[in-house]
Amino acid sequence: MSTEPNTEGDVIGKVTTGYQAWFTCDGDRSPIRGWWHWAPDRLNMVKKDNSGVVSWPAMHHYPKGYNTGFQPYPDGSPSQLFSNYDQATIDAHFQMMADADIDTAALQRFNPCGGEGPVRDVTTMMVHQAAEKTKRKWYCMYDVSGWGPNMQQEIKNDWTSKMCEYSQTPMYARQNGKVVVCIWGFGFNDGNHEYDQETCIDVIKWFKGMGCYVIGGVPTWWRKCISDSREGFGEVYRSFDMLSPWMVGRASKIRDLDWFYHNANKGDQEECEKHGIAYQPCVMPGDLSTGCRKHGDFYWRHFYNTTRLGCAAVYVSMFDEYNEGNQIAPTAESKAQQPKDFDHPALDEDGTPCTADYYLRLTRDAGKMFKSRTPTALRVTEPWPGKGLCHARHELVLKARVNGQFVCAEGGGDKNLVANRTSPGPWERFTVEQTNQEGRIHLRSSNGKYVCADLSGGNGQPVGLLVANRDSPGPWETFDLVEVDGGVIALKASNGKYVQASNGGSGPLIAGGDDHGWWEQFDVVEE
């Protein structure tokens, strides 16, 4: 158990990203040879039937590339990939981190005593140099997956003989006055992490004895020691200074993130506080190859949930994981930037144009939200700056807090809005469009019409009645979005009144509340 105060350093209060740095190309003079991690069979040409990636990097962001066996790009130029064995590539990555205001990189270090050891040693040196150039902090993250029975001694030898020297340099991360090291993989309940409790605790205590601040990359369900966690590993987890539970592959929809917020993250945060351990949950952009991203809404929601949690730090999974589609590094914007025979989605997979560096810009803006501790439910970053309002569209449903019913545009939008549905369907889904004024939005119903707070009181209707019947937005179709609490909002119409589910929810939605009380509060449920 950690007893030291959690003060700000290079990890607490900061945005850290995991950095694999594990790609090589034939011709880059790497000691591992071939297309390491680009292809399952690295010694043969990477091509359509020998590919290990599901996202294609935007190669115009890299100073050097290597021709592949994929077909050319649609413009006829040869398809290329980058190598992490080039200093220029790692320099470019660290400059991207700097531009995205990422504070710290966690450099993955798999078994350095195996075949990949020599190339890992060289890329570590390159990371050290790139960090100095860009003034980014970094630390070693030992991934013990598949390390084998000699891990306990070999990880200690590697630290004292190689990594300890780097830890004494200015750009190596420190927390609470101690150099940072992470051990990823203790406690996972699979055949790739077969280390007993005594071994794990010995390694953690050894690093602490070396003056290290030790982070644990642990299973999602570490707190309950169930599912992906080995039973009885509570003492192991409580031995770390900081815990960072894994999340990649656990959520594919925005509502999944909210479920984990309530059922995992909040309890994790409380347990860590109880034992004096810092909490560093993962945030992830989503697997692009399976359509999870929702042009940035998934990633923003994950950052938003982390921000409203009030946790110590945040870990972005991952910077360059093109293998699993979870990368935030520059990615092909469209099919025009991918080989003609690369059969996986580009960033415009859902019809929304996104710049190659969009997820870096999202990280920058979401990081500001996290550091300022001001959770904002609606994404503020544009997928493609200046291209209309594509950055401001979010599909969501609203649930009235007064009766727990979903808001519906009756008659598909022809009639007034009312909170009377037990589950959301097409009529209960609205598109939010953010205006050029911060915090001001328009709502569109499933009929394509804008929701209006009709202030005319015509046809005997009450003043401020909400109905989706306008072709274009004006003042009556514009609302101030007020954050009441995490995931709870209120809407203020142009008459200065708050939208309320009148008569305790049995009546229509009307802009008639003087304050955002119980009748005027709505849960935001993003799809």
Protein backbone atom coordinates (compact mmCIF):
# COMPACT_ATOMS: atom_id res chain seq x y z
CA MET A 1 0.00 0.00 0.00
CA SER A 2 1.24 3.49 -0.90
CA THR A 3 1.39 5.96 1.98
CA GLU A 4 2.95 8.92 0.18
CA PRO A 5 0.89 11.95 -0.85
CA ASN A 6 -0.25 12.09 -4.45
CA THR A 7 1.27 15.35 -5.53
CA GLU A 8 1.55 16.58 -9.06
CA GLY A 9 4.57 15.34 -10.96
CA ASP A 10 5.03 13.95 -14.45
CA VAL A 11 2.13 11.48 -14.14
CA ILE A 12 -0.42 12.74 -11.60
CA GLY A 13 -2.48 15.54 -13.10
CA LYS A 14 -1.03 14.71 -16.51
CA VAL A 15 -1.97 12.99 -19.77
CA THR A 16 0.17 9.93 -20.54
CA THR A 17 0.02 7.84 -23.69
CA GLY A 18 1.18 4.31 -24.30
CA TYR A 19 3.83 4.14 -27.03
CA GLN A 20 4.58 0.79 -28.72
CA ALA A 21 7.39 1.92 -31.06
CA TRP A 22 7.48 -1.62 -32.44
CA PHE A 23 7.30 -1.28 -36.23
CA THR A 24 10.21 -2.03 -38.57
CA CYS A 25 10.48 -2.34 -42.34
CA ASP A 26 12.60 -4.36 -44.70
CA GLY A 27 15.57 -2.17 -45.60
CA ASP A 28 15.75 -0.11 -42.40
CA ARG A 29 18.80 -2.06 -41.12
CA SER A 30 16.97 -3.17 -37.99
CA PRO A 31 18.58 -6.16 -36.24
CA ILE A 32 15.20 -7.89 -36.07
CA ARG A 33 14.85 -7.70 -39.87
CA GLY A 34 11.73 -7.49 -41.98
CA TRP A 35 8.23 -6.08 -41.36
CA TRP A 36 8.08 -6.47 -37.57
CA HIS A 37 4.48 -5.97 -36.38
CA TRP A 38 3.37 -4.77 -39.80
CA ALA A 39 3.09 -8.39 -40.94
CA PRO A 40 2.42 -11.72 -39.17
CA ASP A 41 5.28 -13.22 -41.19
CA ARG A 42 7.75 -10.39 -40.87
CA LEU A 43 10.39 -12.01 -43.11
CA ASN A 44 8.05 -11.90 -46.11
CA MET A 45 6.71 -8.79 -47.82
CA VAL A 46 3.83 -7.04 -46.06
CA LYS A 47 0.81 -7.15 -48.36
CA LYS A 48 -2.91 -7.86 -48.37
CA ASP A 49 -2.58 -11.52 -47.38
CA ASN A 50 0.32 -10.85 -44.93
CA SER A 51 -0.85 -7.82 -42.96
CA GLY A 52 -0.95 -7.33 -39.20
CA VAL A 53 -2.69 -3.94 -39.11
CA VAL A 54 -6.29 -2.78 -39.36
CA SER A 55 -5.60 0.96 -39.75
CA TRP A 56 -3.32 2.65 -42.27
CA PRO A 57 -1.05 5.49 -41.13
CA ALA A 58 -1.26 8.85 -42.88
CA MET A 59 2.20 8.68 -44.39
CA HIS A 60 2.39 12.35 -45.36
CA HIS A 61 3.12 13.00 -41.67
CA TYR A 62 6.33 10.95 -41.82
CA PRO A 63 9.68 12.03 -43.27
CA LYS A 64 10.59 8.56 -44.51
CA GLY A 65 8.67 5.54 -45.81
CA TYR A 66 9.31 2.07 -47.23
CA ASN A 67 7.55 0.57 -50.23
CA THR A 68 5.16 -2.29 -49.40
CA GLY A 69 3.62 -5.17 -51.35
CA PHE A 70 0.17 -3.58 -51.18
CA GLN A 71 -1.24 -2.05 -54.33
CA PRO A 72 -0.44 1.63 -54.98
CA TYR A 73 -2.53 4.45 -53.59
CA PRO A 74 -5.41 5.56 -55.84
CA ASP A 75 -3.20 8.37 -57.24
CA GLY A 76 -0.71 5.77 -58.49
CA SER A 77 2.06 6.43 -55.96
CA PRO A 78 3.57 3.43 -54.15
CA SER A 79 2.08 2.46 -50.78
CA GLN A 80 4.51 2.95 -47.92
CA LEU A 81 4.88 2.36 -44.18
CA PHE A 82 7.19 3.87 -41.55
CA SER A 83 9.83 2.27 -39.34
CA ASN A 84 10.44 2.98 -35.67
CA TYR A 85 14.07 2.08 -36.30
CA ASP A 86 14.43 5.52 -37.90
CA GLN A 87 15.17 8.36 -35.50
CA ALA A 88 13.16 10.65 -37.77
CA THR A 89 10.01 8.58 -37.15
CA ILE A 90 10.33 8.70 -33.37
CA ASP A 91 11.18 12.41 -33.53
CA ALA A 92 8.00 12.95 -35.54
CA HIS A 93 5.94 10.98 -33.03
CA PHE A 94 7.25 12.95 -30.09
CA GLN A 95 6.62 16.22 -31.90
CA MET A 96 3.04 15.03 -32.44
CA MET A 97 2.79 14.36 -28.70
CA ALA A 98 4.09 17.86 -27.99
CA ASP A 99 1.59 19.42 -30.40
CA ALA A 100 -1.21 17.44 -28.71
CA ASP A 101 -0.07 18.57 -25.23
CA ILE A 102 0.59 14.98 -24.20
CA ASP A 103 2.81 15.26 -21.17
CA THR A 104 4.35 11.81 -20.89
CA ALA A 105 4.95 8.71 -23.00
CA ALA A 106 4.98 5.22 -21.50
CA LEU A 107 7.45 3.33 -23.66
CA GLN A 108 6.48 -0.34 -23.90
CA ARG A 109 9.33 -2.70 -23.14
CA PHE A 110 8.61 -6.37 -23.72
CA ASN A 111 11.04 -9.13 -22.73
CA PRO A 112 14.39 -7.51 -23.58
CA CYS A 113 16.18 -10.85 -23.13
CA GLY A 114 14.35 -12.32 -26.12
CA GLY A 115 14.77 -11.82 -29.85
CA GLU A 116 13.39 -8.29 -29.86
CA GLY A 117 15.81 -7.06 -27.18
CA PRO A 118 18.38 -5.46 -29.51
CA VAL A 119 15.81 -3.43 -31.47
CA ARG A 120 14.10 -2.39 -28.22
CA ASP A 121 17.43 -1.12 -26.89
CA VAL A 122 17.96 1.04 -29.98
CA THR A 123 14.44 2.49 -30.01
CA THR A 124 14.78 3.28 -26.29
CA MET A 125 17.86 5.35 -27.06
CA MET A 126 15.95 7.09 -29.87
CA VAL A 127 13.00 7.81 -27.55
CA HIS A 128 15.42 9.32 -25.04
CA GLN A 129 16.80 11.62 -27.74
CA ALA A 130 13.37 12.56 -29.10
CA ALA A 131 12.11 13.37 -25.60
CA GLU A 132 15.01 15.75 -25.05
CA LYS A 133 14.32 17.50 -28.38
CA THR A 134 10.60 17.98 -27.70
CA LYS A 135 10.70 18.37 -23.90
CA ARG A 136 8.34 15.44 -23.37
CA LYS A 137 8.70 13.17 -20.37
CA TRP A 138 8.79 9.39 -20.72
CA TYR A 139 9.10 6.28 -18.59
CA CYS A 140 9.66 2.57 -19.03
CA MET A 141 6.60 0.33 -19.07
CA TYR A 142 7.65 -3.28 -18.72
CA ASP A 143 5.08 -5.55 -20.36
CA VAL A 144 5.57 -8.98 -18.80
CA SER A 145 3.22 -10.73 -21.24
CA GLY A 146 4.82 -14.00 -22.26
CA TRP A 147 8.12 -13.12 -20.61
CA GLY A 148 8.54 -16.58 -19.16
CA PRO A 149 9.77 -18.15 -15.92
CA ASN A 150 12.94 -16.02 -15.64
CA MET A 151 11.08 -12.71 -15.59
CA GLN A 152 11.59 -12.13 -11.86
CA GLN A 153 15.36 -11.86 -12.13
CA GLU A 154 15.68 -10.67 -15.72
CA ILE A 155 13.50 -7.59 -15.20
CA LYS A 156 15.72 -6.55 -12.28
CA ASN A 157 18.88 -7.12 -14.32
CA ASP A 158 17.51 -5.10 -17.23
CA TRP A 159 16.68 -2.18 -14.97
CA THR A 160 20.07 -2.04 -13.27
CA SER A 161 22.12 -2.67 -16.42
CA LYS A 162 20.22 -0.52 -18.93
CA MET A 163 17.11 1.40 -17.92
CA CYS A 164 18.33 2.81 -14.61
CA GLU A 165 20.83 4.99 -16.47
CA TYR A 166 18.06 6.57 -18.54
CA SER A 167 16.01 7.17 -15.40
CA GLN A 168 18.61 9.63 -14.14
CA THR A 169 18.24 11.94 -17.16
CA PRO A 170 16.15 15.16 -17.06
CA MET A 171 13.32 14.02 -19.36
CA TYR A 172 12.69 10.74 -17.60
CA ALA A 173 9.42 10.98 -15.66
CA ARG A 174 9.32 11.44 -11.91
CA GLN A 175 6.46 11.35 -9.47
CA ASN A 176 6.57 12.25 -5.77
CA GLY A 177 10.31 12.75 -6.26
CA LYS A 178 10.83 9.20 -7.54
CA VAL A 179 11.60 7.85 -11.00
CA VAL A 180 8.57 6.18 -12.60
CA VAL A 181 8.37 2.62 -13.82
CA CYS A 182 5.27 0.68 -14.85
CA ILE A 183 4.78 -3.08 -14.81
CA TRP A 184 1.97 -4.17 -17.08
CA GLY A 185 0.44 -7.62 -16.81
CA PHE A 186 0.53 -8.80 -13.20
CA GLY A 187 -2.68 -10.58 -12.24
CA PHE A 188 -4.16 -11.22 -15.68
CA ASN A 189 -5.99 -14.52 -15.72
CA ASP A 190 -4.55 -16.15 -18.83
CA GLY A 191 -1.68 -18.35 -19.90
CA ASN A 192 0.43 -15.37 -20.92
CA HIS A 193 0.79 -14.00 -17.37
CA GLU A 194 1.43 -17.02 -15.16
CA TYR A 195 3.19 -15.33 -12.26
CA ASP A 196 2.21 -16.11 -8.68
CA GLN A 197 1.54 -13.53 -5.99
CA GLU A 198 4.89 -13.93 -4.27
CA THR A 199 6.81 -13.31 -7.50
CA CYS A 200 4.76 -10.21 -8.35
CA ILE A 201 5.06 -8.68 -4.88
CA ASP A 202 8.81 -9.36 -4.84
CA VAL A 203 9.29 -7.50 -8.12
CA ILE A 204 7.16 -4.53 -7.00
CA LYS A 205 8.96 -4.23 -3.67
CA TRP A 206 12.34 -4.52 -5.40
CA PHE A 207 11.58 -1.58 -7.66
CA LYS A 208 10.32 0.43 -4.72
CA GLY A 209 13.56 -0.41 -2.93
CA MET A 210 15.40 1.03 -5.94
CA GLY A 211 13.61 4.33 -5.32
CA CYS A 212 10.94 3.94 -8.00
CA TYR A 213 7.33 5.09 -8.14
CA VAL A 214 5.68 1.91 -9.42
CA ILE A 215 2.55 1.89 -11.61
CA GLY A 216 0.59 -1.29 -12.22
CA GLY A 217 -1.09 -2.02 -15.52
CA VAL A 218 -3.72 -4.37 -14.14
CA PRO A 219 -6.89 -6.20 -15.23
CA THR A 220 -10.18 -4.37 -15.66
CA TRP A 221 -11.74 -6.24 -12.72
CA TRP A 222 -8.73 -6.03 -10.40
CA ARG A 223 -10.79 -4.72 -7.49
CA LYS A 224 -13.10 -7.75 -7.38
CA CYS A 225 -10.45 -10.27 -8.52
CA ILE A 226 -12.92 -11.78 -11.01
CA SER A 227 -13.19 -12.31 -14.76
CA ASP A 228 -9.87 -11.16 -16.30
CA SER A 229 -8.15 -11.09 -12.88
CA ARG A 230 -6.63 -13.97 -10.98
CA GLU A 231 -8.25 -14.76 -7.67
CA GLY A 232 -6.63 -13.55 -4.48
CA PHE A 233 -4.35 -10.97 -6.09
CA GLY A 234 -5.63 -8.06 -3.97
CA GLU A 235 -2.35 -7.73 -2.07
CA VAL A 236 -0.44 -7.53 -5.35
CA TYR A 237 -2.61 -4.70 -6.63
CA ARG A 238 -2.45 -2.81 -3.35
CA SER A 239 1.35 -2.93 -3.48
CA PHE A 240 1.49 -0.45 -6.37
CA ASP A 241 1.72 3.33 -6.04
CA MET A 242 -0.70 3.83 -8.94
CA LEU A 243 -3.13 1.52 -10.72
CA SER A 244 -4.08 1.70 -14.39
CA PRO A 245 -6.72 -0.93 -15.27
CA TRP A 246 -6.87 -2.08 -18.89
CA MET A 247 -9.87 -1.12 -21.03
CA VAL A 248 -9.04 -1.84 -24.68
CA GLY A 249 -11.60 -4.24 -26.11
CA ARG A 250 -13.98 -3.81 -23.18
CA ALA A 251 -16.30 -1.17 -24.69
CA SER A 252 -17.51 -0.57 -28.23
CA LYS A 253 -20.40 1.88 -27.71
CA ILE A 254 -20.76 5.12 -25.80
CA ARG A 255 -23.31 3.54 -23.49
CA ASP A 256 -20.68 0.89 -22.64
CA LEU A 257 -18.39 3.65 -21.39
CA ASP A 258 -21.14 5.00 -19.17
CA TRP A 259 -21.79 1.50 -17.82
CA PHE A 260 -18.11 1.10 -16.92
CA TYR A 261 -18.12 4.57 -15.35
CA HIS A 262 -20.85 3.54 -12.94
CA ASN A 263 -19.92 -0.12 -12.43
CA ALA A 264 -16.13 -0.12 -12.52
CA ASN A 265 -14.48 3.32 -12.53
CA LYS A 266 -16.31 4.87 -9.58
CA GLY A 267 -15.65 1.85 -7.38
CA ASP A 268 -12.02 1.72 -8.52
CA GLN A 269 -11.56 5.36 -7.62
CA GLU A 270 -13.04 4.84 -4.15
CA GLU A 271 -10.92 1.74 -3.52
CA CYS A 272 -7.74 3.52 -4.58
CA GLU A 273 -8.49 6.50 -2.36
CA LYS A 274 -9.15 4.15 0.55
CA HIS A 275 -5.68 2.61 0.21
CA GLY A 276 -3.74 5.75 -0.72
CA ILE A 277 -3.16 4.60 -4.29
CA ALA A 278 -3.37 6.94 -7.29
CA TYR A 279 -5.84 5.99 -10.04
CA GLN A 280 -4.96 6.29 -13.74
CA PRO A 281 -7.84 4.91 -15.86
CA CYS A 282 -7.43 4.25 -19.56
CA VAL A 283 -9.16 6.33 -22.19
CA MET A 284 -9.28 5.08 -25.76
CA PRO A 285 -10.34 6.43 -29.15
CA GLY A 286 -12.14 3.18 -30.03
CA ASP A 287 -11.39 0.51 -32.59
CA LEU A 288 -11.63 2.22 -35.97
CA SER A 289 -11.86 -1.11 -37.79
CA THR A 290 -15.15 -2.02 -36.07
CA GLY A 291 -16.87 1.37 -36.28
CA CYS A 292 -16.57 2.34 -32.61
CA ARG A 293 -15.30 5.87 -32.97
CA LYS A 294 -18.41 7.89 -33.92
CA HIS A 295 -16.09 10.56 -35.41
CA GLY A 296 -14.60 11.34 -32.00
CA ASP A 297 -17.68 11.17 -29.78
CA PHE A 298 -16.60 7.84 -28.26
CA TYR A 299 -13.16 9.20 -27.33
CA TRP A 300 -14.56 12.45 -25.97
CA ARG A 301 -17.07 10.60 -23.82
CA HIS A 302 -14.32 8.46 -22.35
CA PHE A 303 -12.29 11.57 -21.47
CA TYR A 304 -15.45 13.25 -20.14
CA ASN A 305 -16.22 10.32 -17.84
CA THR A 306 -12.65 10.33 -16.59
CA THR A 307 -12.81 14.06 -15.94
CA ARG A 308 -16.04 13.90 -13.95
CA LEU A 309 -14.58 11.01 -11.97
CA GLY A 310 -11.94 13.37 -10.57
CA CYS A 311 -9.17 10.76 -10.84
CA ALA A 312 -5.47 11.47 -10.44
CA ALA A 313 -4.26 10.86 -13.99
CA VAL A 314 -5.25 9.56 -17.39
CA TYR A 315 -3.65 7.01 -19.72
CA VAL A 316 -4.39 7.11 -23.47
CA SER A 317 -4.52 3.64 -25.02
CA MET A 318 -2.68 3.90 -27.41
CA PHE A 319 -0.56 6.29 -29.45
CA ASP A 320 0.45 4.02 -32.32
CA GLU A 321 -1.63 0.83 -32.05
CA TYR A 322 -2.36 0.44 -35.77
CA ASN A 323 -2.57 -3.32 -35.16
CA GLU A 324 -5.79 -3.03 -33.13
CA GLY A 325 -7.19 0.18 -34.60
CA ASN A 326 -6.86 2.11 -31.32
CA GLN A 327 -4.21 4.59 -32.44
CA ILE A 328 -4.44 8.36 -32.01
CA ALA A 329 -1.44 8.90 -34.32
CA PRO A 330 -2.19 10.26 -37.82
CA THR A 331 -4.38 7.89 -39.81
CA ALA A 332 -5.55 7.81 -43.41
CA GLU A 333 -8.35 10.33 -43.88
CA SER A 334 -10.08 8.39 -46.64
CA LYS A 335 -9.60 5.59 -49.14
CA ALA A 336 -7.51 8.05 -51.18
CA GLN A 337 -4.72 7.72 -48.59
CA GLN A 338 -4.83 3.91 -48.37
CA PRO A 339 -3.61 1.23 -50.79
CA LYS A 340 -6.36 0.21 -53.17
CA ASP A 341 -6.41 -3.33 -51.74
CA PHE A 342 -6.37 -2.34 -48.04
CA ASP A 343 -9.82 -3.42 -46.91
CA HIS A 344 -10.17 -1.57 -43.60
CA PRO A 345 -11.90 1.75 -42.80
CA ALA A 346 -10.27 5.16 -42.95
CA LEU A 347 -11.15 8.00 -40.57
CA ASP A 348 -14.18 8.98 -42.65
CA GLU A 349 -15.73 5.53 -42.07
CA ASP A 350 -19.08 6.93 -40.88
CA GLY A 351 -19.32 9.63 -43.55
CA THR A 352 -17.78 12.43 -41.49
CA PRO A 353 -14.54 13.85 -42.95
CA CYS A 354 -11.74 13.85 -40.36
CA THR A 355 -8.24 15.24 -40.73
CA ALA A 356 -5.43 12.74 -40.25
CA ASP A 357 -4.37 14.44 -37.01
CA TYR A 358 -7.93 14.71 -35.65
CA TYR A 359 -7.36 12.38 -32.71
CA LEU A 360 -4.25 14.29 -31.71
CA ARG A 361 -6.31 17.49 -31.69
CA LEU A 362 -9.02 15.70 -29.73
CA THR A 363 -6.42 14.60 -27.19
CA ARG A 364 -5.21 18.18 -26.83
CA ASP A 365 -8.70 19.56 -26.21
CA ALA A 366 -9.86 16.67 -24.03
CA GLY A 367 -6.64 16.94 -22.05
CA LYS A 368 -7.43 20.59 -21.33
CA MET A 369 -10.85 19.52 -20.08
CA PHE A 370 -9.27 16.90 -17.82
CA LYS A 371 -6.63 19.22 -16.39
CA SER A 372 -9.10 22.03 -15.74
CA ARG A 373 -11.48 19.54 -14.04
CA THR A 374 -14.41 21.01 -15.96
CA PRO A 375 -16.33 18.11 -17.58
CA THR A 376 -18.08 19.10 -20.81
CA ALA A 377 -20.37 16.46 -22.29
CA LEU A 378 -20.43 17.83 -25.84
CA ARG A 379 -17.29 17.48 -27.91
CA VAL A 380 -15.77 20.81 -28.93
CA THR A 381 -13.15 19.62 -31.42
CA GLU A 382 -13.92 19.75 -35.13
CA PRO A 383 -13.14 16.64 -37.19
CA TRP A 384 -12.29 18.92 -40.09
CA PRO A 385 -11.98 22.61 -39.19
CA GLY A 386 -14.19 24.84 -41.31
CA LYS A 387 -16.23 22.07 -42.96
CA GLY A 388 -19.66 23.11 -41.83
CA LEU A 389 -21.10 21.81 -38.58
CA CYS A 390 -19.90 18.21 -38.82
CA HIS A 391 -17.97 18.81 -35.61
CA ALA A 392 -21.15 19.73 -33.76
CA ARG A 393 -23.46 16.81 -34.44
CA HIS A 394 -24.13 14.28 -31.72
CA GLU A 395 -26.93 11.76 -31.65
CA LEU A 396 -28.42 11.34 -28.20
CA VAL A 397 -31.56 10.66 -26.26
CA LEU A 398 -32.84 12.62 -23.26
CA LYS A 399 -34.38 11.10 -20.17
CA ALA A 400 -36.44 13.37 -17.91
CA ARG A 401 -35.28 13.05 -14.32
CA VAL A 402 -38.71 13.82 -12.93
CA ASN A 403 -40.29 10.60 -14.23
CA GLY A 404 -37.43 8.58 -15.74
CA GLN A 405 -39.08 8.59 -19.18
CA PHE A 406 -37.42 9.32 -22.52
CA VAL A 407 -38.24 12.50 -24.42
CA CYS A 408 -40.18 11.80 -27.61
CA ALA A 409 -41.04 13.95 -30.63
CA GLU A 410 -44.64 12.73 -30.91
CA GLY A 411 -45.92 11.80 -34.33
CA GLY A 412 -42.36 11.65 -35.65
CA GLY A 413 -42.03 15.35 -34.88
CA ASP A 414 -45.38 16.72 -36.04
CA LYS A 415 -46.64 17.07 -32.48
CA ASN A 416 -45.17 18.44 -29.28
CA LEU A 417 -42.26 16.92 -27.35
CA VAL A 418 -43.17 14.92 -24.27
CA ALA A 419 -41.27 12.64 -21.85
CA ASN A 420 -43.41 9.51 -21.97
CA ARG A 421 -41.39 6.65 -23.49
CA THR A 422 -39.89 3.75 -21.56
CA SER A 423 -37.21 3.00 -24.18
CA PRO A 424 -35.65 4.99 -27.03
CA GLY A 425 -36.60 4.46 -30.68
CA PRO A 426 -36.26 6.73 -33.74
CA TRP A 427 -38.67 9.37 -32.40
CA GLU A 428 -36.66 9.60 -29.17
CA ARG A 429 -33.36 10.32 -30.90
CA PHE A 430 -32.17 13.86 -31.49
CA THR A 431 -29.17 15.32 -33.25
CA VAL A 432 -27.40 18.07 -31.35
CA GLU A 433 -25.74 20.80 -33.42
CA GLN A 434 -23.39 23.10 -31.61
CA THR A 435 -23.51 26.71 -32.78
CA ASN A 436 -20.56 29.08 -33.10
CA GLN A 437 -21.38 30.35 -29.61
CA GLU A 438 -20.01 28.14 -26.86
CA GLY A 439 -22.72 26.26 -25.00
CA ARG A 440 -25.51 27.13 -27.47
CA ILE A 441 -27.08 24.32 -29.49
CA HIS A 442 -29.82 23.35 -31.93
CA LEU A 443 -31.79 20.10 -31.74
CA ARG A 444 -33.05 18.19 -34.76
CA SER A 445 -35.65 15.46 -34.58
CA SER A 446 -35.83 12.26 -36.62
CA ASN A 447 -38.05 14.09 -39.14
CA GLY A 448 -35.12 16.37 -39.99
CA LYS A 449 -36.85 19.41 -38.46
CA TYR A 450 -35.44 21.67 -35.77
CA VAL A 451 -36.97 21.70 -32.31
CA CYS A 452 -38.60 25.04 -31.58
CA ALA A 453 -39.63 26.63 -28.28
CA ASP A 454 -42.65 28.38 -29.82
CA LEU A 455 -43.10 31.69 -28.00
CA SER A 456 -46.07 32.86 -30.04
CA GLY A 457 -48.69 31.00 -28.03
CA GLY A 458 -50.65 30.58 -31.27
CA ASN A 459 -53.54 28.17 -31.83
CA GLY A 460 -54.30 28.16 -28.14
CA GLN A 461 -50.98 26.45 -27.34
CA PRO A 462 -49.01 27.41 -24.22
CA VAL A 463 -46.13 29.85 -24.68
CA GLY A 464 -42.80 28.03 -25.01
CA LEU A 465 -44.21 24.69 -26.22
CA LEU A 466 -41.48 22.51 -27.75
CA VAL A 467 -42.25 21.04 -31.16
CA ALA A 468 -40.00 19.80 -34.00
CA ASN A 469 -41.40 21.69 -36.99
CA ARG A 470 -38.84 24.22 -38.25
CA ASP A 471 -36.79 23.92 -41.43
CA SER A 472 -33.95 26.17 -40.26
CA PRO A 473 -32.73 27.37 -36.86
CA GLY A 474 -33.37 30.82 -35.48
CA PRO A 475 -33.53 32.25 -31.94
CA TRP A 476 -36.52 30.11 -30.96
CA GLU A 477 -34.64 27.01 -32.13
CA THR A 478 -31.52 27.84 -30.13
CA PHE A 479 -30.94 26.63 -26.57
CA ASP A 480 -28.30 27.20 -23.93
CA LEU A 481 -26.97 23.86 -22.71
CA VAL A 482 -26.33 24.00 -18.97
CA GLU A 483 -24.23 21.30 -17.26
CA VAL A 484 -26.02 20.51 -14.00
CA ASP A 485 -23.95 17.47 -13.04
CA GLY A 486 -22.02 14.72 -14.79
CA GLY A 487 -24.29 13.57 -17.61
CA VAL A 488 -27.18 15.75 -16.40
CA ILE A 489 -28.16 18.87 -18.34
CA ALA A 490 -30.75 21.61 -18.51
CA LEU A 491 -31.86 23.58 -21.58
CA LYS A 492 -32.60 27.29 -21.50
CA ALA A 493 -34.70 28.72 -24.35
CA SER A 494 -34.39 32.18 -25.89
CA ASN A 495 -37.05 33.55 -23.49
CA GLY A 496 -34.66 32.85 -20.61
CA LYS A 497 -36.82 30.02 -19.28
CA TYR A 498 -35.68 26.44 -18.71
CA VAL A 499 -37.27 23.58 -20.63
CA GLN A 500 -39.34 21.49 -18.23
CA ALA A 501 -41.28 18.25 -18.41
CA SER A 502 -44.48 19.91 -17.24
CA ASN A 503 -46.92 18.41 -14.75
CA GLY A 504 -44.25 16.11 -13.36
CA GLY A 505 -43.61 14.63 -16.79
CA SER A 506 -47.21 13.94 -17.79
CA GLY A 507 -47.48 17.18 -19.75
CA PRO A 508 -45.58 18.47 -22.81
CA LEU A 509 -42.10 19.96 -22.72
CA ILE A 510 -42.38 23.72 -22.25
CA ALA A 511 -39.80 26.47 -21.83
CA GLY A 512 -41.33 27.77 -18.61
CA GLY A 513 -39.01 27.04 -15.66
CA ASP A 514 -37.32 29.86 -13.78
CA ASP A 515 -34.54 27.55 -12.57
CA HIS A 516 -33.25 24.07 -13.40
CA GLY A 517 -35.02 22.06 -10.75
CA TRP A 518 -36.11 18.44 -10.90
CA TRP A 519 -38.62 19.00 -13.72
CA GLU A 520 -35.98 20.81 -15.79
CA GLN A 521 -33.20 18.23 -15.57
CA PHE A 522 -32.43 15.59 -18.18
CA ASP A 523 -29.98 12.68 -18.31
CA VAL A 524 -27.98 12.61 -21.53
CA VAL A 525 -27.80 9.11 -22.99
CA GLU A 526 -25.45 9.10 -25.98
CA GLU A 527 -25.67 6.25 -28.46
